[in-house]
C-alpha atoms as a PDB file:
ATOM      1  CA  MET A   1      29.267  -9.931  -3.217  1.00  0.00           C
ATOM      2  CA  ARG A   2      27.146  -7.268  -4.923  1.00  0.00           C
ATOM      3  CA  LYS A   3      23.454  -6.949  -4.090  1.00  0.00           C
ATOM      4  CA  LEU A   4      21.517  -7.380  -7.328  1.00  0.00           C
ATOM      5  CA  LEU A   5      17.854  -6.431  -7.691  1.00  0.00           C
ATOM      6  CA  LEU A   6      15.808  -7.694 -10.634  1.00  0.00           C
ATOM      7  CA  GLN A   7      13.088  -5.090 -11.326  1.00  0.00           C
ATOM      8  CA  LEU A   8      10.089  -6.547 -13.161  1.00  0.00           C
ATOM      9  CA  ASP A   9       7.686  -3.818 -14.245  1.00  0.00           C
ATOM     10  CA  THR A  10       4.375  -4.464 -15.984  1.00  0.00           C
ATOM     11  CA  SER A  11       4.386  -0.988 -17.569  1.00  0.00           C
ATOM     12  CA  PRO A  12       6.224  -0.365 -20.856  1.00  0.00           C
ATOM     13  CA  HIS A  13       8.978   1.605 -19.135  1.00  0.00           C
ATOM     14  CA  PRO A  14      10.352   0.469 -15.761  1.00  0.00           C
ATOM     15  CA  SER A  15       9.652   2.970 -13.005  1.00  0.00           C
ATOM     16  CA  VAL A  16      12.557   5.375 -12.481  1.00  0.00           C
ATOM     17  CA  PHE A  17      11.136   6.155  -9.027  1.00  0.00           C
ATOM     18  CA  ASP A  18      11.318   2.507  -7.968  1.00  0.00           C
ATOM     19  CA  ARG A  19      14.825   2.184  -9.357  1.00  0.00           C
ATOM     20  CA  VAL A  20      16.095   5.217  -7.438  1.00  0.00           C
ATOM     21  CA  VAL A  21      14.522   3.967  -4.201  1.00  0.00           C
ATOM     22  CA  ALA A  22      16.106   0.561  -4.811  1.00  0.00           C
ATOM     23  CA  TYR A  23      19.550   2.133  -4.881  1.00  0.00           C
ATOM     24  CA  ASP A  24      18.773   4.220  -1.802  1.00  0.00           C
ATOM     25  CA  GLY A  25      17.549   1.051  -0.085  1.00  0.00           C
ATOM     26  CA  GLY A  26      20.857  -0.728  -0.572  1.00  0.00           C
ATOM     27  CA  ALA A  27      20.849  -2.411  -3.980  1.00  0.00           C
ATOM     28  CA  ASP A  28      24.233  -2.239  -5.731  1.00  0.00           C
ATOM     29  CA  GLU A  29      22.780  -2.882  -9.172  1.00  0.00           C
ATOM     30  CA  VAL A  30      19.219  -2.816 -10.519  1.00  0.00           C
ATOM     31  CA  MET A  31      18.410  -4.834 -13.635  1.00  0.00           C
ATOM     32  CA  SER A  32      15.205  -3.261 -14.973  1.00  0.00           C
ATOM     33  CA  TYR A  33      12.725  -4.801 -17.418  1.00  0.00           C
ATOM     34  CA  GLY A  34       9.514  -3.160 -18.611  1.00  0.00           C
ATOM     35  CA  GLY A  35       6.405  -4.604 -20.211  1.00  0.00           C
ATOM     36  CA  VAL A  36       6.927  -7.881 -18.387  1.00  0.00           C
ATOM     37  CA  THR A  37       4.173 -10.488 -18.717  1.00  0.00           C
ATOM     38  CA  PRO A  38       3.702 -13.650 -16.666  1.00  0.00           C
ATOM     39  CA  GLU A  39       4.877 -15.694 -19.663  1.00  0.00           C
ATOM     40  CA  ALA A  40       8.254 -13.914 -19.629  1.00  0.00           C
ATOM     41  CA  VAL A  41       8.859 -14.255 -15.908  1.00  0.00           C
ATOM     42  CA  ARG A  42      10.388 -17.726 -15.685  1.00  0.00           C
ATOM     43  CA  ASP A  43      13.345 -17.072 -17.974  1.00  0.00           C
ATOM     44  CA  LEU A  44      14.098 -13.721 -16.320  1.00  0.00           C
ATOM     45  CA  VAL A  45      13.963 -15.254 -12.839  1.00  0.00           C
ATOM     46  CA  HIS A  46      16.034 -18.271 -13.793  1.00  0.00           C
ATOM     47  CA  GLY A  47      18.636 -15.995 -15.341  1.00  0.00           C
ATOM     48  CA  ALA A  48      18.939 -14.230 -12.011  1.00  0.00           C
ATOM     49  CA  ILE A  49      19.034 -17.255  -9.717  1.00  0.00           C
ATOM     50  CA  PHE A  50      21.079 -19.806 -11.654  1.00  0.00           C
ATOM     51  CA  THR A  51      24.226 -17.664 -11.678  1.00  0.00           C
ATOM     52  CA  ARG A  52      24.760 -17.974  -7.933  1.00  0.00           C
ATOM     53  CA  GLY A  53      24.832 -20.907  -5.569  1.00  0.00           C
ATOM     54  CA  PRO A  54      22.072 -21.344  -3.002  1.00  0.00           C
ATOM     55  CA  LYS A  55      24.212 -20.001  -0.146  1.00  0.00           C
ATOM     56  CA  ASP A  56      24.715 -16.727  -2.041  1.00  0.00           C
ATOM     57  CA  LEU A  57      21.161 -16.199  -3.270  1.00  0.00           C
ATOM     58  CA  HIS A  58      20.317 -13.759  -0.497  1.00  0.00           C
ATOM     59  CA  HIS A  59      22.445 -11.294  -2.464  1.00  0.00           C
ATOM     60  CA  THR A  60      19.858 -11.427  -5.270  1.00  0.00           C
ATOM     61  CA  ALA A  61      16.257 -10.195  -4.960  1.00  0.00           C
ATOM     62  CA  ILE A  62      13.238  -9.295  -7.104  1.00  0.00           C
ATOM     63  CA  PHE A  63      11.027  -6.195  -7.085  1.00  0.00           C
ATOM     64  CA  ILE A  64       7.671  -6.203  -8.894  1.00  0.00           C
ATOM     65  CA  GLY A  65       6.187  -2.856  -9.915  1.00  0.00           C
ATOM     66  CA  GLY A  66       4.111  -1.131 -12.573  1.00  0.00           C
ATOM     67  CA  THR A  67       0.958   0.937 -12.641  1.00  0.00           C
ATOM     68  CA  ASP A  68      -1.512  -1.948 -12.274  1.00  0.00           C
ATOM     69  CA  MET A  69      -1.659  -3.985  -9.065  1.00  0.00           C
ATOM     70  CA  ALA A  70      -3.669  -6.824 -10.629  1.00  0.00           C
ATOM     71  CA  ASP A  71      -0.930  -7.272 -13.236  1.00  0.00           C
ATOM     72  CA  GLY A  72       1.658  -7.126 -10.467  1.00  0.00           C
ATOM     73  CA  GLU A  73      -0.112  -9.848  -8.529  1.00  0.00           C
ATOM     74  CA  ARG A  74      -0.027 -12.054 -11.605  1.00  0.00           C
ATOM     75  CA  LEU A  75       3.712 -11.492 -11.901  1.00  0.00           C
ATOM     76  CA  LEU A  76       4.205 -12.355  -8.240  1.00  0.00           C
ATOM     77  CA  LYS A  77       2.387 -15.626  -8.753  1.00  0.00           C
ATOM     78  CA  ALA A  78       4.554 -16.389 -11.788  1.00  0.00           C
ATOM     79  CA  VAL A  79       7.741 -15.492  -9.902  1.00  0.00           C
ATOM     80  CA  ARG A  80       6.939 -17.816  -7.021  1.00  0.00           C
ATOM     81  CA  LYS A  81       6.049 -20.566  -9.467  1.00  0.00           C
ATOM     82  CA  SER A  82       9.509 -20.175 -11.038  1.00  0.00           C
ATOM     83  CA  PHE A  83      11.258 -21.048  -7.773  1.00  0.00           C
ATOM     84  CA  PHE A  84      12.119 -24.620  -6.864  1.00  0.00           C
ATOM     85  CA  GLY A  85      14.181 -26.394  -4.232  1.00  0.00           C
ATOM     86  CA  PRO A  86      16.904 -24.141  -2.832  1.00  0.00           C
ATOM     87  CA  PHE A  87      16.666 -21.799  -5.833  1.00  0.00           C
ATOM     88  CA  THR A  88      14.587 -19.028  -4.321  1.00  0.00           C
ATOM     89  CA  VAL A  89      15.180 -15.332  -3.704  1.00  0.00           C
ATOM     90  CA  SER A  90      13.255 -12.732  -1.766  1.00  0.00           C
ATOM     91  CA  VAL A  91      10.627 -10.773  -3.677  1.00  0.00           C
ATOM     92  CA  MET A  92       8.640  -7.584  -3.050  1.00  0.00           C
ATOM     93  CA  LEU A  93       5.355  -6.506  -4.669  1.00  0.00           C
ATOM     94  CA  ASP A  94       4.590  -2.782  -4.696  1.00  0.00           C
ATOM     95  CA  SER A  95       2.826  -1.934  -7.954  1.00  0.00           C
ATOM     96  CA  ASN A  96       2.188   1.807  -8.142  1.00  0.00           C
ATOM     97  CA  GLY A  97       3.388   2.079  -4.542  1.00  0.00           C
ATOM     98  CA  SER A  98       0.067   0.636  -3.408  1.00  0.00           C
ATOM     99  CA  ASN A  99       1.353  -1.617  -0.645  1.00  0.00           C
ATOM    100  CA  THR A 100       3.834   0.785   0.934  1.00  0.00           C
ATOM    101  CA  THR A 101       1.380   3.694   0.712  1.00  0.00           C
ATOM    102  CA  ALA A 102      -1.451   1.703   2.299  1.00  0.00           C
ATOM    103  CA  VAL A 103       0.827   0.437   5.063  1.00  0.00           C
ATOM    104  CA  ALA A 104       2.096   3.948   5.826  1.00  0.00           C
ATOM    105  CA  ALA A 105      -1.401   5.445   5.892  1.00  0.00           C
ATOM    106  CA  VAL A 106      -2.740   2.732   8.195  1.00  0.00           C
ATOM    107  CA  ALA A 107       0.256   3.061  10.512  1.00  0.00           C
ATOM    108  CA  ARG A 108      -0.326   6.813  10.806  1.00  0.00           C
ATOM    109  CA  LEU A 109      -4.048   6.407  11.481  1.00  0.00           C
ATOM    110  CA  LEU A 110      -3.685   3.662  14.073  1.00  0.00           C
ATOM    111  CA  LYS A 111      -1.076   5.592  16.032  1.00  0.00           C
ATOM    112  CA  ALA A 112      -3.046   8.831  15.890  1.00  0.00           C
ATOM    113  CA  ALA A 113      -6.386   7.292  16.845  1.00  0.00           C
ATOM    114  CA  GLY A 114      -4.837   5.444  19.743  1.00  0.00           C
ATOM    115  CA  PRO A 115      -6.173   2.522  21.787  1.00  0.00           C
ATOM    116  CA  GLY A 116      -8.920   2.544  24.313  1.00  0.00           C
ATOM    117  CA  GLU A 117     -12.077   2.480  22.238  1.00  0.00           C
ATOM    118  CA  LYS A 118     -13.725   0.527  19.456  1.00  0.00           C
ATOM    119  CA  HIS A 119     -12.797   2.322  16.259  1.00  0.00           C
ATOM    120  CA  ARG A 120     -14.669   2.450  13.005  1.00  0.00           C
ATOM    121  CA  ALA A 121     -12.866   3.537   9.851  1.00  0.00           C
ATOM    122  CA  VAL A 122     -14.193   4.809   6.546  1.00  0.00           C
ATOM    123  CA  VAL A 123     -12.008   4.470   3.452  1.00  0.00           C
ATOM    124  CA  THR A 124     -13.358   6.690   0.688  1.00  0.00           C
ATOM    125  CA  ALA A 125     -12.817   5.563  -2.917  1.00  0.00           C
ATOM    126  CA  GLY A 126     -11.816   2.339  -1.255  1.00  0.00           C
ATOM    127  CA  THR A 127     -12.088  -0.086  -4.160  1.00  0.00           C
ATOM    128  CA  GLY A 128      -8.776   0.917  -5.758  1.00  0.00           C
ATOM    129  CA  PRO A 129      -5.511  -0.895  -4.929  1.00  0.00           C
ATOM    130  CA  VAL A 130      -4.448   1.418  -2.088  1.00  0.00           C
ATOM    131  CA  GLY A 131      -7.933   1.609  -0.607  1.00  0.00           C
ATOM    132  CA  LEU A 132      -8.447  -2.135  -0.667  1.00  0.00           C
ATOM    133  CA  ARG A 133      -5.130  -2.863   1.025  1.00  0.00           C
ATOM    134  CA  ALA A 134      -5.646  -0.139   3.595  1.00  0.00           C
ATOM    135  CA  ALA A 135      -9.134  -1.445   4.364  1.00  0.00           C
ATOM    136  CA  GLY A 136      -7.773  -4.952   4.750  1.00  0.00           C
ATOM    137  CA  LEU A 137      -4.940  -3.877   7.035  1.00  0.00           C
ATOM    138  CA  LEU A 138      -7.306  -1.833   9.197  1.00  0.00           C
ATOM    139  CA  ALA A 139      -9.649  -4.804   9.490  1.00  0.00           C
ATOM    140  CA  LYS A 140      -6.733  -7.047  10.367  1.00  0.00           C
ATOM    141  CA  ALA A 141      -5.924  -4.613  13.191  1.00  0.00           C
ATOM    142  CA  GLY A 142      -9.427  -5.060  14.611  1.00  0.00           C
ATOM    143  CA  ILE A 143     -11.059  -1.951  13.135  1.00  0.00           C
ATOM    144  CA  ASP A 144     -14.579  -2.095  11.702  1.00  0.00           C
ATOM    145  CA  VAL A 145     -14.154  -0.805   8.142  1.00  0.00           C
ATOM    146  CA  THR A 146     -16.505   0.717   5.595  1.00  0.00           C
ATOM    147  CA  LEU A 147     -15.124   1.260   2.118  1.00  0.00           C
ATOM    148  CA  THR A 148     -16.981   3.543  -0.241  1.00  0.00           C
ATOM    149  CA  SER A 149     -17.322   3.786  -3.997  1.00  0.00           C
ATOM    150  CA  ARG A 150     -19.451   5.823  -6.387  1.00  0.00           C
ATOM    151  CA  ARG A 151     -21.403   2.721  -7.403  1.00  0.00           C
ATOM    152  CA  ALA A 152     -22.218  -0.445  -5.509  1.00  0.00           C
ATOM    153  CA  ALA A 153     -19.066  -2.507  -5.091  1.00  0.00           C
ATOM    154  CA  ASP A 154     -18.930  -6.069  -6.333  1.00  0.00           C
ATOM    155  CA  PRO A 155     -19.689  -8.254  -3.266  1.00  0.00           C
ATOM    156  CA  ALA A 156     -16.882 -10.570  -4.378  1.00  0.00           C
ATOM    157  CA  ILE A 157     -14.365  -7.780  -3.731  1.00  0.00           C
ATOM    158  CA  VAL A 158     -15.387  -7.466  -0.091  1.00  0.00           C
ATOM    159  CA  GLU A 159     -15.578 -11.239   0.330  1.00  0.00           C
ATOM    160  CA  THR A 160     -12.077 -11.716  -1.076  1.00  0.00           C
ATOM    161  CA  LEU A 161     -10.757  -8.945   1.152  1.00  0.00           C
ATOM    162  CA  GLN A 162     -12.257 -10.503   4.270  1.00  0.00           C
ATOM    163  CA  GLN A 163     -10.930 -13.930   3.377  1.00  0.00           C
ATOM    164  CA  ARG A 164      -7.429 -12.517   3.078  1.00  0.00           C
ATOM    165  CA  PHE A 165      -7.331 -10.112   6.025  1.00  0.00           C
ATOM    166  CA  GLY A 166     -10.167 -11.194   8.310  1.00  0.00           C
ATOM    167  CA  GLY A 167     -12.098  -8.702  10.426  1.00  0.00           C
ATOM    168  CA  ARG A 168     -15.239  -6.796   9.495  1.00  0.00           C
ATOM    169  CA  ILE A 169     -15.475  -4.921   6.197  1.00  0.00           C
ATOM    170  CA  ASN A 170     -18.585  -3.387   4.671  1.00  0.00           C
ATOM    171  CA  ALA A 171     -19.169  -1.478   1.452  1.00  0.00           C
ATOM    172  CA  ALA A 172     -21.239   1.677   1.009  1.00  0.00           C
ATOM    173  CA  VAL A 173     -22.193   3.812  -1.971  1.00  0.00           C
ATOM    174  CA  MET A 174     -21.022   7.425  -1.786  1.00  0.00           C
ATOM    175  CA  SER A 175     -22.178   8.792  -5.110  1.00  0.00           C
ATOM    176  CA  ASP A 176     -21.205  12.397  -4.320  1.00  0.00           C
ATOM    177  CA  PRO A 177     -19.739  14.449  -1.440  1.00  0.00           C
ATOM    178  CA  SER A 178     -23.178  15.283  -0.078  1.00  0.00           C
ATOM    179  CA  SER A 179     -23.558  11.734   1.241  1.00  0.00           C
ATOM    180  CA  ALA A 180     -20.242  11.749   3.125  1.00  0.00           C
ATOM    181  CA  ALA A 181     -21.652  13.098   6.375  1.00  0.00           C
ATOM    182  CA  SER A 182     -24.121  10.260   6.885  1.00  0.00           C
ATOM    183  CA  ILE A 183     -21.497   7.612   6.127  1.00  0.00           C
ATOM    184  CA  LEU A 184     -19.029   9.214   8.563  1.00  0.00           C
ATOM    185  CA  GLU A 185     -21.583   9.667  11.347  1.00  0.00           C
ATOM    186  CA  GLN A 186     -20.143   6.953  13.613  1.00  0.00           C
ATOM    187  CA  ALA A 187     -16.603   6.862  12.227  1.00  0.00           C
ATOM    188  CA  THR A 188     -13.511   7.651  14.307  1.00  0.00           C
ATOM    189  CA  MET A 189     -10.993   7.229  11.465  1.00  0.00           C
ATOM    190  CA  LEU A 190     -11.065   8.491   7.876  1.00  0.00           C
ATOM    191  CA  LEU A 191      -8.800   7.691   4.931  1.00  0.00           C
ATOM    192  CA  ASN A 192      -9.246   9.154   1.468  1.00  0.00           C
ATOM    193  CA  ALA A 193      -7.771   6.995  -1.299  1.00  0.00           C
ATOM    194  CA  GLY A 194      -9.546   8.812  -4.116  1.00  0.00           C
ATOM    195  CA  PRO A 195      -8.278  10.186  -7.416  1.00  0.00           C
ATOM    196  CA  ALA A 196      -6.088  13.263  -7.672  1.00  0.00           C
ATOM    197  CA  GLY A 197      -7.793  16.640  -7.706  1.00  0.00           C
ATOM    198  CA  VAL A 198     -11.212  15.458  -6.524  1.00  0.00           C
ATOM    199  CA  THR A 199     -12.735  16.523  -3.195  1.00  0.00           C
ATOM    200  CA  LEU A 200     -14.761  13.634  -1.806  1.00  0.00           C
ATOM    201  CA  VAL A 201     -15.240  14.718   1.801  1.00  0.00           C
ATOM    202  CA  PRO A 202     -16.388  18.291   2.615  1.00  0.00           C
ATOM    203  CA  LYS A 203     -15.038  19.818   5.797  1.00  0.00           C
ATOM    204  CA  SER A 204     -18.486  19.885   7.362  1.00  0.00           C
ATOM    205  CA  ALA A 205     -18.775  16.102   6.952  1.00  0.00           C
ATOM    206  CA  TRP A 206     -15.815  15.170   9.159  1.00  0.00           C
ATOM    207  CA  THR A 207     -15.413  18.027  11.624  1.00  0.00           C
ATOM    208  CA  GLY A 208     -17.439  18.407  14.789  1.00  0.00           C
ATOM    209  CA  GLY A 209     -18.052  14.663  15.036  1.00  0.00           C
ATOM    210  CA  ARG A 210     -16.195  11.617  16.290  1.00  0.00           C
ATOM    211  CA  ILE A 211     -13.272  11.609  13.830  1.00  0.00           C
ATOM    212  CA  ARG A 212     -10.019  11.325  15.768  1.00  0.00           C
ATOM    213  CA  ALA A 213      -7.615  10.581  12.903  1.00  0.00           C
ATOM    214  CA  ALA A 214      -7.787  11.339   9.183  1.00  0.00           C
ATOM    215  CA  ALA A 215      -5.437  10.988   6.227  1.00  0.00           C
ATOM    216  CA  ASP A 216      -5.765  12.243   2.662  1.00  0.00           C
ATOM    217  CA  LEU A 217      -3.609  10.578   0.010  1.00  0.00           C
ATOM    218  CA  ASN A 218      -4.526  13.095  -2.699  1.00  0.00           C
ATOM    219  CA  ALA A 219      -1.635  15.536  -3.267  1.00  0.00           C
ATOM    220  CA  VAL A 220      -3.239  17.514  -6.125  1.00  0.00           C
ATOM    221  CA  PRO A 221      -5.568  20.463  -5.392  1.00  0.00           C
ATOM    222  CA  PRO A 222      -8.389  20.417  -4.656  1.00  0.00           C
ATOM    223  CA  LEU A 223      -7.524  17.863  -2.010  1.00  0.00           C
ATOM    224  CA  GLY A 224      -9.713  14.870  -1.243  1.00  0.00           C
ATOM    225  CA  ILE A 225     -10.599  15.839   2.323  1.00  0.00           C
ATOM    226  CA  GLU A 226     -11.436  19.512   2.621  1.00  0.00           C
ATOM    227  CA  GLY A 227      -9.619  21.144   5.530  1.00  0.00           C
ATOM    228  CA  ILE A 228      -6.502  18.942   5.432  1.00  0.00           C
ATOM    229  CA  GLU A 229      -3.316  20.368   3.923  1.00  0.00           C
ATOM    230  CA  VAL A 230      -0.966  18.269   1.791  1.00  0.00           C
ATOM    231  CA  THR A 231       1.898  18.959   4.239  1.00  0.00           C
ATOM    232  CA  ASP A 232      -0.032  18.052   7.392  1.00  0.00           C
ATOM    233  CA  ASN A 233       1.906  15.540   9.467  1.00  0.00           C
ATOM    234  CA  ALA A 234       0.085  14.793  12.722  1.00  0.00           C
ATOM    235  CA  ALA A 235      -1.441  18.283  12.644  1.00  0.00           C
ATOM    236  CA  GLU A 236      -4.327  18.953  14.996  1.00  0.00           C
ATOM    237  CA  ARG A 237      -7.344  20.214  13.096  1.00  0.00           C
ATOM    238  CA  ASP A 238     -10.873  20.455  14.486  1.00  0.00           C
ATOM    239  CA  GLY A 239     -10.187  17.905  17.206  1.00  0.00           C
ATOM    240  CA  ALA A 240      -8.561  15.331  14.931  1.00  0.00           C
ATOM    241  CA  THR A 241      -4.972  14.368  14.169  1.00  0.00           C
ATOM    242  CA  VAL A 242      -4.586  14.634  10.417  1.00  0.00           C
ATOM    243  CA  PHE A 243      -2.116  13.741   7.686  1.00  0.00           C
ATOM    244  CA  GLY A 244      -1.778  15.015   4.143  1.00  0.00           C
ATOM    245  CA  ALA A 245      -0.213  13.119   1.272  1.00  0.00           C
ATOM    246  CA  LEU A 246       3.282  14.351   2.118  1.00  0.00           C
ATOM    247  CA  GLY A 247       2.777  13.512   5.783  1.00  0.00           C
ATOM    248  CA  VAL A 248       2.039   9.912   4.799  1.00  0.00           C
ATOM    249  CA  GLY A 249       4.633   9.941   2.028  1.00  0.00           C
ATOM    250  CA  GLY A 250       7.590  10.443   4.337  1.00  0.00           C
ATOM    251  CA  LEU A 251       6.812   7.213   6.182  1.00  0.00           C
ATOM    252  CA  LYS A 252       6.015   5.448   2.903  1.00  0.00           C
ATOM    253  CA  MET A 253       9.540   6.201   1.655  1.00  0.00           C
ATOM    254  CA  LYS A 254      11.119   4.918   4.869  1.00  0.00           C
ATOM    255  CA  ILE A 255       9.099   1.709   4.612  1.00  0.00           C
ATOM    256  CA  HIS A 256       9.993   1.228   0.933  1.00  0.00           C
ATOM    257  CA  LYS A 257      13.719   1.617   1.581  1.00  0.00           C
ATOM    258  CA  ALA A 258      13.619  -0.606   4.654  1.00  0.00           C
ATOM    259  CA  CYS A 259      11.873  -3.326   2.664  1.00  0.00           C
ATOM    260  CA  ILE A 260      14.511  -3.204  -0.088  1.00  0.00           C
ATOM    261  CA  ALA A 261      17.209  -3.640   2.551  1.00  0.00           C
ATOM    262  CA  ARG A 262      15.281  -6.536   4.108  1.00  0.00           C
ATOM    263  CA  LEU A 263      15.180  -8.398   0.775  1.00  0.00           C
ATOM    264  CA  PHE A 264      18.924  -8.976   0.958  1.00  0.00           C
ATOM    265  CA  GLU A 265      18.908 -10.462   4.459  1.00  0.00           C
ATOM    266  CA  ARG A 266      17.487 -13.831   3.362  1.00  0.00           C
ATOM    267  CA  ASN A 267      16.395 -15.603   0.198  1.00  0.00           C
ATOM    268  CA  ASP A 268      12.846 -16.705   1.054  1.00  0.00           C
ATOM    269  CA  LEU A 269      11.011 -13.510   1.979  1.00  0.00           C
ATOM    270  CA  VAL A 270       7.812 -12.429   0.205  1.00  0.00           C
ATOM    271  CA  LEU A 271       6.939  -8.800   0.913  1.00  0.00           C
ATOM    272  CA  ASP A 272       3.279  -8.094   0.187  1.00  0.00           C
ATOM    273  CA  ALA A 273       0.875  -5.878   2.154  1.00  0.00           C
ATOM    274  CA  GLU A 274       0.864  -7.919   5.376  1.00  0.00           C
ATOM    275  CA  THR A 275       4.605  -8.553   5.545  1.00  0.00           C
ATOM    276  CA  ILE A 276       5.409  -4.974   4.548  1.00  0.00           C
ATOM    277  CA  ALA A 277       3.236  -3.917   7.493  1.00  0.00           C
ATOM    278  CA  GLU A 278       5.411  -6.060   9.763  1.00  0.00           C
ATOM    279  CA  VAL A 279       8.512  -4.250   8.539  1.00  0.00           C
ATOM    280  CA  ALA A 280       6.783  -0.921   9.188  1.00  0.00           C
ATOM    281  CA  THR A 281       6.187  -1.715  12.856  1.00  0.00           C
ATOM    282  CA  GLU A 282       9.936  -1.504  13.422  1.00  0.00           C
ATOM    283  CA  LEU A 283      10.057   2.047  12.043  1.00  0.00           C
ATOM    284  CA  ARG A 284       7.331   3.669  14.126  1.00  0.00           C
END
């Protein structure tokens, strides 16, 4: 029986990237819909699940994407609400690659930093989708986390993050690169989740201190962490193990493909940040 993936994208045009990865991950056919709203979800989902009996539903799965994670989360809620009784299929949420990217970055940092001491991580520009998920996953792993933003973060964001992931998460204002050094003073791990082409952390702010692992997710010059190259993949620079966007991206692609394959193993799996992280542990 063919493996069918229903791609629900909140953007006007379904992501070609996500469709290609779906095929590479094992889907035989991808049925792509763009501009999907929560109101449209039920009929699309029912069309996918009512054509096969419950024992065959593991051959059908759903992928939720788009450029906005908040919209994707609303679709996920609507998808799960559309299921009933034995009529369920596995579903994955990865709007804008936020979950798989965050999982890959955290996996790289945790391995590079290593055990044996109490780590403290700083996630710069941490209030975006990737930063928030990375901060949550780091906290869940027992790391004390500080996420930064240019303006004071809404306390509700941090509270919601802690309720979901547990651990210790704080917020700090980093209005410009000149304040990076003081925020990083006690940090052992650094992740930049900032916008493309913007340097947030000068080299002098993270070198010569306690940083043992750093990752920069910005692939567009100038890079987000000065002194890290986009191709760095466990490179040793100034006493730290560092990763550029491509160094993280290779693992992100492996995780994405592995998750697509996992969707077709059962019909009740929900792959969000935490469960995607569980899949990633098998790839390291």
